[in-house]
């Protein structure tokens, strides 16, 4: 069976020893039910708890689970390494807490037969998250639409599906932290790739893995930086979906 017919699920992890084994095995059970080749890549970045030995044990025990550890925290760096490791032509990202319903995975696999990127959107679906995080996300989404002329509703890490061949072209250009998702969607949209946004269900009331103040400065700062470099110079070409 060709590599393009399988799926790589990439999960970035940071100090997730409390969830790592249980939720990885939940992912494994779901993927086994899809009857297609699969792998799960767990990408630790900066973990200092029991995540690393636990991830290594899982990868030794199950052939479909692969694990790596980066000493510095940086989810974008982990994503880029995960892409280079991926065996399959479809890559789906999820969070370790599985706050987005796992039914996104088979739907993304199906849509990646026809699209280059699949965007899971909490706003067009449903979300149970702290109010401050919802407000910050809404402000960022609206500003991205104004500055970059891209009109999607979710730029978070989880619940995104990508054709590996597309992402490989963008790897040298991607941010090492959380802004890499915006860069992918911006470049793919303006390069005329086929993008599809679908609603997802999200329930995420646990404490964020990121410092929200630092995260806001990082993402809004890089948004203005991307706009200054490219946003006013490029006109989008038509793509498969708005």
C-alpha atoms as a PDB file:
ATOM      1  CA  UNK A   1       0.000   0.000   0.000  1.00  0.00           C
ATOM      2  CA  UNK A   2       1.368   3.432  -0.955  1.00  0.00           C
ATOM      3  CA  UNK A   3       2.501   5.871   1.751  1.00  0.00           C
ATOM      4  CA  UNK A   4      -0.106   8.358   0.513  1.00  0.00           C
ATOM      5  CA  UNK A   5      -2.863   6.004   1.659  1.00  0.00           C
ATOM      6  CA  UNK A   6      -1.849   6.086   5.323  1.00  0.00           C
ATOM      7  CA  UNK A   7      -1.981   8.807   7.975  1.00  0.00           C
ATOM      8  CA  UNK A   8       0.504  10.223  10.461  1.00  0.00           C
ATOM      9  CA  UNK A   9      -1.045  11.740  13.580  1.00  0.00           C
ATOM     10  CA  UNK A  10       1.377  14.198  15.151  1.00  0.00           C
ATOM     11  CA  UNK A  11       0.916  15.198  18.791  1.00  0.00           C
ATOM     12  CA  UNK A  12       3.219  17.804  20.386  1.00  0.00           C
ATOM     13  CA  UNK A  13       3.740  17.172  24.104  1.00  0.00           C
ATOM     14  CA  UNK A  14       5.039  19.297  26.956  1.00  0.00           C
ATOM     15  CA  UNK A  15       4.978  17.850  30.480  1.00  0.00           C
ATOM     16  CA  UNK A  16       2.100  15.483  29.744  1.00  0.00           C
ATOM     17  CA  UNK A  17       2.967  12.465  31.912  1.00  0.00           C
ATOM     18  CA  UNK A  18      -0.545  12.488  33.397  1.00  0.00           C
ATOM     19  CA  UNK A  19      -2.236  12.070  29.998  1.00  0.00           C
ATOM     20  CA  UNK A  20       0.388  10.617  27.709  1.00  0.00           C
ATOM     21  CA  UNK A  21      -0.220   6.885  27.959  1.00  0.00           C
ATOM     22  CA  UNK A  22      -4.010   6.909  28.338  1.00  0.00           C
ATOM     23  CA  UNK A  23      -4.688   9.318  25.487  1.00  0.00           C
ATOM     24  CA  UNK A  24      -2.063   7.883  23.153  1.00  0.00           C
ATOM     25  CA  UNK A  25      -3.729   4.486  23.508  1.00  0.00           C
ATOM     26  CA  UNK A  26      -7.127   6.099  22.873  1.00  0.00           C
ATOM     27  CA  UNK A  27      -5.709   7.561  19.656  1.00  0.00           C
ATOM     28  CA  UNK A  28      -4.218   4.204  18.728  1.00  0.00           C
ATOM     29  CA  UNK A  29      -7.578   2.450  19.195  1.00  0.00           C
ATOM     30  CA  UNK A  30      -9.372   5.013  17.038  1.00  0.00           C
ATOM     31  CA  UNK A  31      -6.786   4.796  14.265  1.00  0.00           C
ATOM     32  CA  UNK A  32      -6.814   0.989  14.306  1.00  0.00           C
ATOM     33  CA  UNK A  33     -10.557   1.101  13.649  1.00  0.00           C
ATOM     34  CA  UNK A  34     -10.061   3.118  10.433  1.00  0.00           C
ATOM     35  CA  UNK A  35      -8.483   0.205   8.592  1.00  0.00           C
ATOM     36  CA  UNK A  36      -5.667   2.179   6.989  1.00  0.00           C
ATOM     37  CA  UNK A  37      -1.928   2.327   7.730  1.00  0.00           C
ATOM     38  CA  UNK A  38      -1.135   4.773  10.509  1.00  0.00           C
ATOM     39  CA  UNK A  39       1.447   5.983  12.954  1.00  0.00           C
ATOM     40  CA  UNK A  40       1.394   8.297  15.958  1.00  0.00           C
ATOM     41  CA  UNK A  41       4.375  10.613  16.409  1.00  0.00           C
ATOM     42  CA  UNK A  42       4.723  12.126  19.880  1.00  0.00           C
ATOM     43  CA  UNK A  43       6.984  15.173  19.835  1.00  0.00           C
ATOM     44  CA  UNK A  44       8.176  16.253  23.263  1.00  0.00           C
ATOM     45  CA  UNK A  45       9.566  19.762  23.349  1.00  0.00           C
ATOM     46  CA  UNK A  46      11.049  20.966  26.614  1.00  0.00           C
ATOM     47  CA  UNK A  47       9.381  18.362  28.845  1.00  0.00           C
ATOM     48  CA  UNK A  48      11.014  17.991  32.272  1.00  0.00           C
ATOM     49  CA  UNK A  49       8.581  15.585  33.971  1.00  0.00           C
ATOM     50  CA  UNK A  50       8.092  11.888  33.257  1.00  0.00           C
ATOM     51  CA  UNK A  51       6.988  12.484  29.660  1.00  0.00           C
ATOM     52  CA  UNK A  52      10.276  11.387  28.076  1.00  0.00           C
ATOM     53  CA  UNK A  53      10.700   7.950  29.707  1.00  0.00           C
ATOM     54  CA  UNK A  54       6.983   7.268  29.288  1.00  0.00           C
ATOM     55  CA  UNK A  55       7.069   8.211  25.598  1.00  0.00           C
ATOM     56  CA  UNK A  56      10.118   6.052  25.039  1.00  0.00           C
ATOM     57  CA  UNK A  57       8.385   3.079  26.689  1.00  0.00           C
ATOM     58  CA  UNK A  58       5.324   3.520  24.491  1.00  0.00           C
ATOM     59  CA  UNK A  59       7.431   3.632  21.341  1.00  0.00           C
ATOM     60  CA  UNK A  60       9.233   0.433  22.331  1.00  0.00           C
ATOM     61  CA  UNK A  61       5.976  -1.347  23.154  1.00  0.00           C
ATOM     62  CA  UNK A  62       3.951  -0.359  20.077  1.00  0.00           C
ATOM     63  CA  UNK A  63       5.362  -0.300  16.565  1.00  0.00           C
ATOM     64  CA  UNK A  64       2.831   2.346  15.436  1.00  0.00           C
ATOM     65  CA  UNK A  65       3.972   4.836  18.097  1.00  0.00           C
ATOM     66  CA  UNK A  66       7.124   6.897  17.577  1.00  0.00           C
ATOM     67  CA  UNK A  67       8.603   9.350  20.047  1.00  0.00           C
ATOM     68  CA  UNK A  68      11.252  12.063  20.047  1.00  0.00           C
ATOM     69  CA  UNK A  69      12.383  14.676  22.546  1.00  0.00           C
ATOM     70  CA  UNK A  70      13.708  18.185  21.925  1.00  0.00           C
ATOM     71  CA  UNK A  71      15.358  19.801  24.927  1.00  0.00           C
ATOM     72  CA  UNK A  72      14.017  23.284  24.115  1.00  0.00           C
ATOM     73  CA  UNK A  73      10.347  24.168  24.201  1.00  0.00           C
ATOM     74  CA  UNK A  74       9.030  25.046  20.751  1.00  0.00           C
ATOM     75  CA  UNK A  75       5.968  23.440  19.267  1.00  0.00           C
ATOM     76  CA  UNK A  76       6.837  24.670  15.777  1.00  0.00           C
ATOM     77  CA  UNK A  77      10.250  23.024  16.003  1.00  0.00           C
ATOM     78  CA  UNK A  78       8.584  19.790  17.125  1.00  0.00           C
ATOM     79  CA  UNK A  79       6.095  19.988  14.257  1.00  0.00           C
ATOM     80  CA  UNK A  80       8.869  20.431  11.694  1.00  0.00           C
ATOM     81  CA  UNK A  81      10.759  17.423  13.033  1.00  0.00           C
ATOM     82  CA  UNK A  82       7.538  15.413  13.050  1.00  0.00           C
ATOM     83  CA  UNK A  83       6.941  16.243   9.388  1.00  0.00           C
ATOM     84  CA  UNK A  84      10.411  15.083   8.414  1.00  0.00           C
ATOM     85  CA  UNK A  85       9.824  11.809  10.297  1.00  0.00           C
ATOM     86  CA  UNK A  86       6.336  11.154   8.914  1.00  0.00           C
ATOM     87  CA  UNK A  87       5.965   7.990   6.846  1.00  0.00           C
ATOM     88  CA  UNK A  88       2.620   8.881   5.312  1.00  0.00           C
ATOM     89  CA  UNK A  89       1.347  11.520   2.913  1.00  0.00           C
ATOM     90  CA  UNK A  90      -1.404  12.771   5.221  1.00  0.00           C
ATOM     91  CA  UNK A  91      -0.512  14.470   8.521  1.00  0.00           C
ATOM     92  CA  UNK A  92      -3.142  15.265  11.149  1.00  0.00           C
ATOM     93  CA  UNK A  93      -2.311  17.229  14.303  1.00  0.00           C
ATOM     94  CA  UNK A  94      -4.038  16.781  17.650  1.00  0.00           C
ATOM     95  CA  UNK A  95      -3.424  18.002  21.209  1.00  0.00           C
ATOM     96  CA  UNK A  96      -2.456  15.486  23.882  1.00  0.00           C
ATOM     97  CA  UNK A  97      -5.547  16.263  25.943  1.00  0.00           C
ATOM     98  CA  UNK A  98      -7.745  15.320  22.948  1.00  0.00           C
ATOM     99  CA  UNK A  99      -9.836  18.397  23.663  1.00  0.00           C
ATOM    100  CA  UNK A 100     -11.003  18.336  20.034  1.00  0.00           C
ATOM    101  CA  UNK A 101     -13.236  15.349  19.319  1.00  0.00           C
ATOM    102  CA  UNK A 102     -11.289  12.579  17.600  1.00  0.00           C
ATOM    103  CA  UNK A 103     -13.873  12.240  14.834  1.00  0.00           C
ATOM    104  CA  UNK A 104     -11.896  15.050  13.166  1.00  0.00           C
ATOM    105  CA  UNK A 105      -9.230  12.490  12.262  1.00  0.00           C
ATOM    106  CA  UNK A 106     -11.235  10.247   9.899  1.00  0.00           C
ATOM    107  CA  UNK A 107     -12.957  13.297   8.406  1.00  0.00           C
ATOM    108  CA  UNK A 108      -9.603  14.980   7.746  1.00  0.00           C
ATOM    109  CA  UNK A 109      -8.246  11.769   6.203  1.00  0.00           C
ATOM    110  CA  UNK A 110     -11.201  11.672   3.830  1.00  0.00           C
ATOM    111  CA  UNK A 111     -10.946  15.336   2.855  1.00  0.00           C
ATOM    112  CA  UNK A 112      -7.188  15.189   2.307  1.00  0.00           C
ATOM    113  CA  UNK A 113      -7.904  13.027  -0.700  1.00  0.00           C
ATOM    114  CA  UNK A 114      -9.181  16.218  -2.372  1.00  0.00           C
ATOM    115  CA  UNK A 115      -7.668  19.094  -0.376  1.00  0.00           C
ATOM    116  CA  UNK A 116      -4.173  20.190   0.611  1.00  0.00           C
ATOM    117  CA  UNK A 117      -5.132  21.502   4.054  1.00  0.00           C
ATOM    118  CA  UNK A 118      -8.085  20.760   6.344  1.00  0.00           C
ATOM    119  CA  UNK A 119      -8.782  23.271   9.125  1.00  0.00           C
ATOM    120  CA  UNK A 120     -10.776  22.214  12.169  1.00  0.00           C
ATOM    121  CA  UNK A 121     -12.653  25.246  13.492  1.00  0.00           C
ATOM    122  CA  UNK A 122     -13.993  25.555  17.038  1.00  0.00           C
ATOM    123  CA  UNK A 123     -15.827  28.791  16.277  1.00  0.00           C
ATOM    124  CA  UNK A 124     -17.906  27.312  13.462  1.00  0.00           C
ATOM    125  CA  UNK A 125     -18.408  24.152  15.541  1.00  0.00           C
ATOM    126  CA  UNK A 126     -18.664  24.248  19.331  1.00  0.00           C
ATOM    127  CA  UNK A 127     -16.262  25.134  22.094  1.00  0.00           C
ATOM    128  CA  UNK A 128     -16.226  24.899  25.852  1.00  0.00           C
ATOM    129  CA  UNK A 129     -13.195  27.012  26.805  1.00  0.00           C
ATOM    130  CA  UNK A 130     -12.410  29.806  29.276  1.00  0.00           C
ATOM    131  CA  UNK A 131     -13.883  33.133  28.203  1.00  0.00           C
ATOM    132  CA  UNK A 132     -10.537  34.958  28.134  1.00  0.00           C
ATOM    133  CA  UNK A 133      -9.092  32.435  25.700  1.00  0.00           C
ATOM    134  CA  UNK A 134     -12.138  32.644  23.440  1.00  0.00           C
ATOM    135  CA  UNK A 135     -11.950  36.452  23.385  1.00  0.00           C
ATOM    136  CA  UNK A 136      -8.211  36.454  22.621  1.00  0.00           C
ATOM    137  CA  UNK A 137      -8.709  33.934  19.804  1.00  0.00           C
ATOM    138  CA  UNK A 138     -11.532  35.970  18.286  1.00  0.00           C
ATOM    139  CA  UNK A 139      -9.447  39.157  18.325  1.00  0.00           C
ATOM    140  CA  UNK A 140      -6.527  37.386  16.681  1.00  0.00           C
ATOM    141  CA  UNK A 141      -8.707  35.777  14.004  1.00  0.00           C
ATOM    142  CA  UNK A 142     -10.319  39.086  13.091  1.00  0.00           C
ATOM    143  CA  UNK A 143      -6.995  40.884  12.903  1.00  0.00           C
ATOM    144  CA  UNK A 144      -5.509  38.137  10.725  1.00  0.00           C
ATOM    145  CA  UNK A 145      -8.418  38.574   8.355  1.00  0.00           C
ATOM    146  CA  UNK A 146      -7.842  42.317   8.096  1.00  0.00           C
ATOM    147  CA  UNK A 147      -4.057  42.243   7.774  1.00  0.00           C
ATOM    148  CA  UNK A 148      -3.451  39.065   5.795  1.00  0.00           C
ATOM    149  CA  UNK A 149      -6.749  38.799   3.925  1.00  0.00           C
ATOM    150  CA  UNK A 150      -7.255  35.210   5.017  1.00  0.00           C
ATOM    151  CA  UNK A 151     -10.629  34.454   6.511  1.00  0.00           C
ATOM    152  CA  UNK A 152     -10.438  31.252   8.482  1.00  0.00           C
ATOM    153  CA  UNK A 153     -11.766  30.785  12.002  1.00  0.00           C
ATOM    154  CA  UNK A 154      -9.079  28.765  13.755  1.00  0.00           C
ATOM    155  CA  UNK A 155      -5.286  29.099  13.845  1.00  0.00           C
ATOM    156  CA  UNK A 156      -4.629  26.790  16.779  1.00  0.00           C
ATOM    157  CA  UNK A 157      -2.236  23.846  16.617  1.00  0.00           C
ATOM    158  CA  UNK A 158      -4.709  21.009  16.992  1.00  0.00           C
ATOM    159  CA  UNK A 159      -7.242  19.663  14.493  1.00  0.00           C
ATOM    160  CA  UNK A 160      -5.357  20.513  11.328  1.00  0.00           C
ATOM    161  CA  UNK A 161      -4.764  18.177   8.404  1.00  0.00           C
ATOM    162  CA  UNK A 162      -2.001  18.647   5.836  1.00  0.00           C
ATOM    163  CA  UNK A 163      -0.684  16.987   2.722  1.00  0.00           C
ATOM    164  CA  UNK A 164       2.925  16.224   3.598  1.00  0.00           C
ATOM    165  CA  UNK A 165       4.183  17.248   0.155  1.00  0.00           C
ATOM    166  CA  UNK A 166       2.821  20.766   0.672  1.00  0.00           C
ATOM    167  CA  UNK A 167       4.247  21.214   4.160  1.00  0.00           C
ATOM    168  CA  UNK A 168       7.688  20.032   3.086  1.00  0.00           C
ATOM    169  CA  UNK A 169       7.875  23.039   0.739  1.00  0.00           C
ATOM    170  CA  UNK A 170       7.182  25.442   3.603  1.00  0.00           C
ATOM    171  CA  UNK A 171       9.333  23.879   6.358  1.00  0.00           C
ATOM    172  CA  UNK A 172      12.316  26.277   6.043  1.00  0.00           C
ATOM    173  CA  UNK A 173       9.949  29.237   6.374  1.00  0.00           C
ATOM    174  CA  UNK A 174       8.020  28.158   9.476  1.00  0.00           C
ATOM    175  CA  UNK A 175       8.154  29.688  12.948  1.00  0.00           C
ATOM    176  CA  UNK A 176       9.608  27.544  15.753  1.00  0.00           C
ATOM    177  CA  UNK A 177       6.736  28.353  18.123  1.00  0.00           C
ATOM    178  CA  UNK A 178       2.954  28.501  17.719  1.00  0.00           C
ATOM    179  CA  UNK A 179       2.762  30.958  14.821  1.00  0.00           C
ATOM    180  CA  UNK A 180       3.645  28.274  12.267  1.00  0.00           C
ATOM    181  CA  UNK A 181      -0.038  27.432  11.674  1.00  0.00           C
ATOM    182  CA  UNK A 182      -0.785  30.985  10.495  1.00  0.00           C
ATOM    183  CA  UNK A 183       2.237  30.894   8.201  1.00  0.00           C
ATOM    184  CA  UNK A 184       1.107  27.631   6.614  1.00  0.00           C
ATOM    185  CA  UNK A 185      -2.452  28.819   6.034  1.00  0.00           C
ATOM    186  CA  UNK A 186      -1.341  32.215   4.760  1.00  0.00           C
ATOM    187  CA  UNK A 187       1.142  30.779   2.281  1.00  0.00           C
ATOM    188  CA  UNK A 188      -1.136  27.956   1.163  1.00  0.00           C
ATOM    189  CA  UNK A 189      -4.039  30.348   0.583  1.00  0.00           C
ATOM    190  CA  UNK A 190      -1.936  32.809  -1.377  1.00  0.00           C
ATOM    191  CA  UNK A 191      -0.285  30.023  -3.379  1.00  0.00           C
ATOM    192  CA  UNK A 192      -3.661  28.829  -4.606  1.00  0.00           C
ATOM    193  CA  UNK A 193      -3.725  25.567  -2.651  1.00  0.00           C
ATOM    194  CA  UNK A 194      -6.967  23.770  -1.826  1.00  0.00           C
ATOM    195  CA  UNK A 195      -8.085  24.510   1.734  1.00  0.00           C
ATOM    196  CA  UNK A 196     -11.194  23.291   3.525  1.00  0.00           C
ATOM    197  CA  UNK A 197     -12.491  24.464   6.900  1.00  0.00           C
ATOM    198  CA  UNK A 198     -14.843  22.224   8.872  1.00  0.00           C
ATOM    199  CA  UNK A 199     -16.518  22.565  12.304  1.00  0.00           C
ATOM    200  CA  UNK A 200     -15.151  20.633  15.271  1.00  0.00           C
ATOM    201  CA  UNK A 201     -16.271  20.052  18.836  1.00  0.00           C
ATOM    202  CA  UNK A 202     -13.838  21.235  21.509  1.00  0.00           C
ATOM    203  CA  UNK A 203     -13.940  21.007  25.303  1.00  0.00           C
ATOM    204  CA  UNK A 204     -10.821  22.474  26.908  1.00  0.00           C
ATOM    205  CA  UNK A 205     -11.111  23.853  30.424  1.00  0.00           C
ATOM    206  CA  UNK A 206      -7.711  22.823  31.746  1.00  0.00           C
ATOM    207  CA  UNK A 207      -4.879  25.279  32.360  1.00  0.00           C
ATOM    208  CA  UNK A 208      -3.092  26.284  29.170  1.00  0.00           C
ATOM    209  CA  UNK A 209       0.290  24.737  28.353  1.00  0.00           C
ATOM    210  CA  UNK A 210       1.429  28.255  27.361  1.00  0.00           C
ATOM    211  CA  UNK A 211       1.911  31.504  29.236  1.00  0.00           C
ATOM    212  CA  UNK A 212      -1.033  33.424  27.780  1.00  0.00           C
ATOM    213  CA  UNK A 213       0.595  36.877  28.044  1.00  0.00           C
ATOM    214  CA  UNK A 214       3.783  35.716  26.343  1.00  0.00           C
ATOM    215  CA  UNK A 215       1.777  33.788  23.786  1.00  0.00           C
ATOM    216  CA  UNK A 216      -0.278  36.865  22.930  1.00  0.00           C
ATOM    217  CA  UNK A 217       2.816  39.025  22.458  1.00  0.00           C
ATOM    218  CA  UNK A 218       4.425  36.347  20.292  1.00  0.00           C
ATOM    219  CA  UNK A 219       1.457  35.715  18.019  1.00  0.00           C
ATOM    220  CA  UNK A 220       0.270  39.298  17.582  1.00  0.00           C
ATOM    221  CA  UNK A 221       3.858  40.467  17.052  1.00  0.00           C
ATOM    222  CA  UNK A 222       4.499  37.862  14.376  1.00  0.00           C
ATOM    223  CA  UNK A 223       1.158  38.635  12.764  1.00  0.00           C
ATOM    224  CA  UNK A 224       2.180  42.252  12.242  1.00  0.00           C
ATOM    225  CA  UNK A 225       5.613  41.110  11.091  1.00  0.00           C
ATOM    226  CA  UNK A 226       4.145  38.806   8.452  1.00  0.00           C
ATOM    227  CA  UNK A 227       1.842  41.598   7.284  1.00  0.00           C
ATOM    228  CA  UNK A 228       4.733  44.029   6.946  1.00  0.00           C
ATOM    229  CA  UNK A 229       6.821  41.510   4.997  1.00  0.00           C
ATOM    230  CA  UNK A 230       4.170  40.126   2.693  1.00  0.00           C
ATOM    231  CA  UNK A 231       0.617  41.069   3.515  1.00  0.00           C
ATOM    232  CA  UNK A 232       0.290  44.186   1.402  1.00  0.00           C
ATOM    233  CA  UNK A 233       2.316  42.842  -1.528  1.00  0.00           C
ATOM    234  CA  UNK A 234       0.512  39.647  -2.496  1.00  0.00           C
ATOM    235  CA  UNK A 235      -2.961  39.097  -3.870  1.00  0.00           C
ATOM    236  CA  UNK A 236      -4.621  35.733  -3.189  1.00  0.00           C
ATOM    237  CA  UNK A 237      -5.193  33.414  -6.145  1.00  0.00           C
ATOM    238  CA  UNK A 238      -8.435  31.446  -6.212  1.00  0.00           C
ATOM    239  CA  UNK A 239      -8.400  28.194  -4.256  1.00  0.00           C
ATOM    240  CA  UNK A 240     -10.770  25.291  -3.857  1.00  0.00           C
ATOM    241  CA  UNK A 241     -12.698  26.827  -0.973  1.00  0.00           C
ATOM    242  CA  UNK A 242     -12.823  30.254   0.707  1.00  0.00           C
END
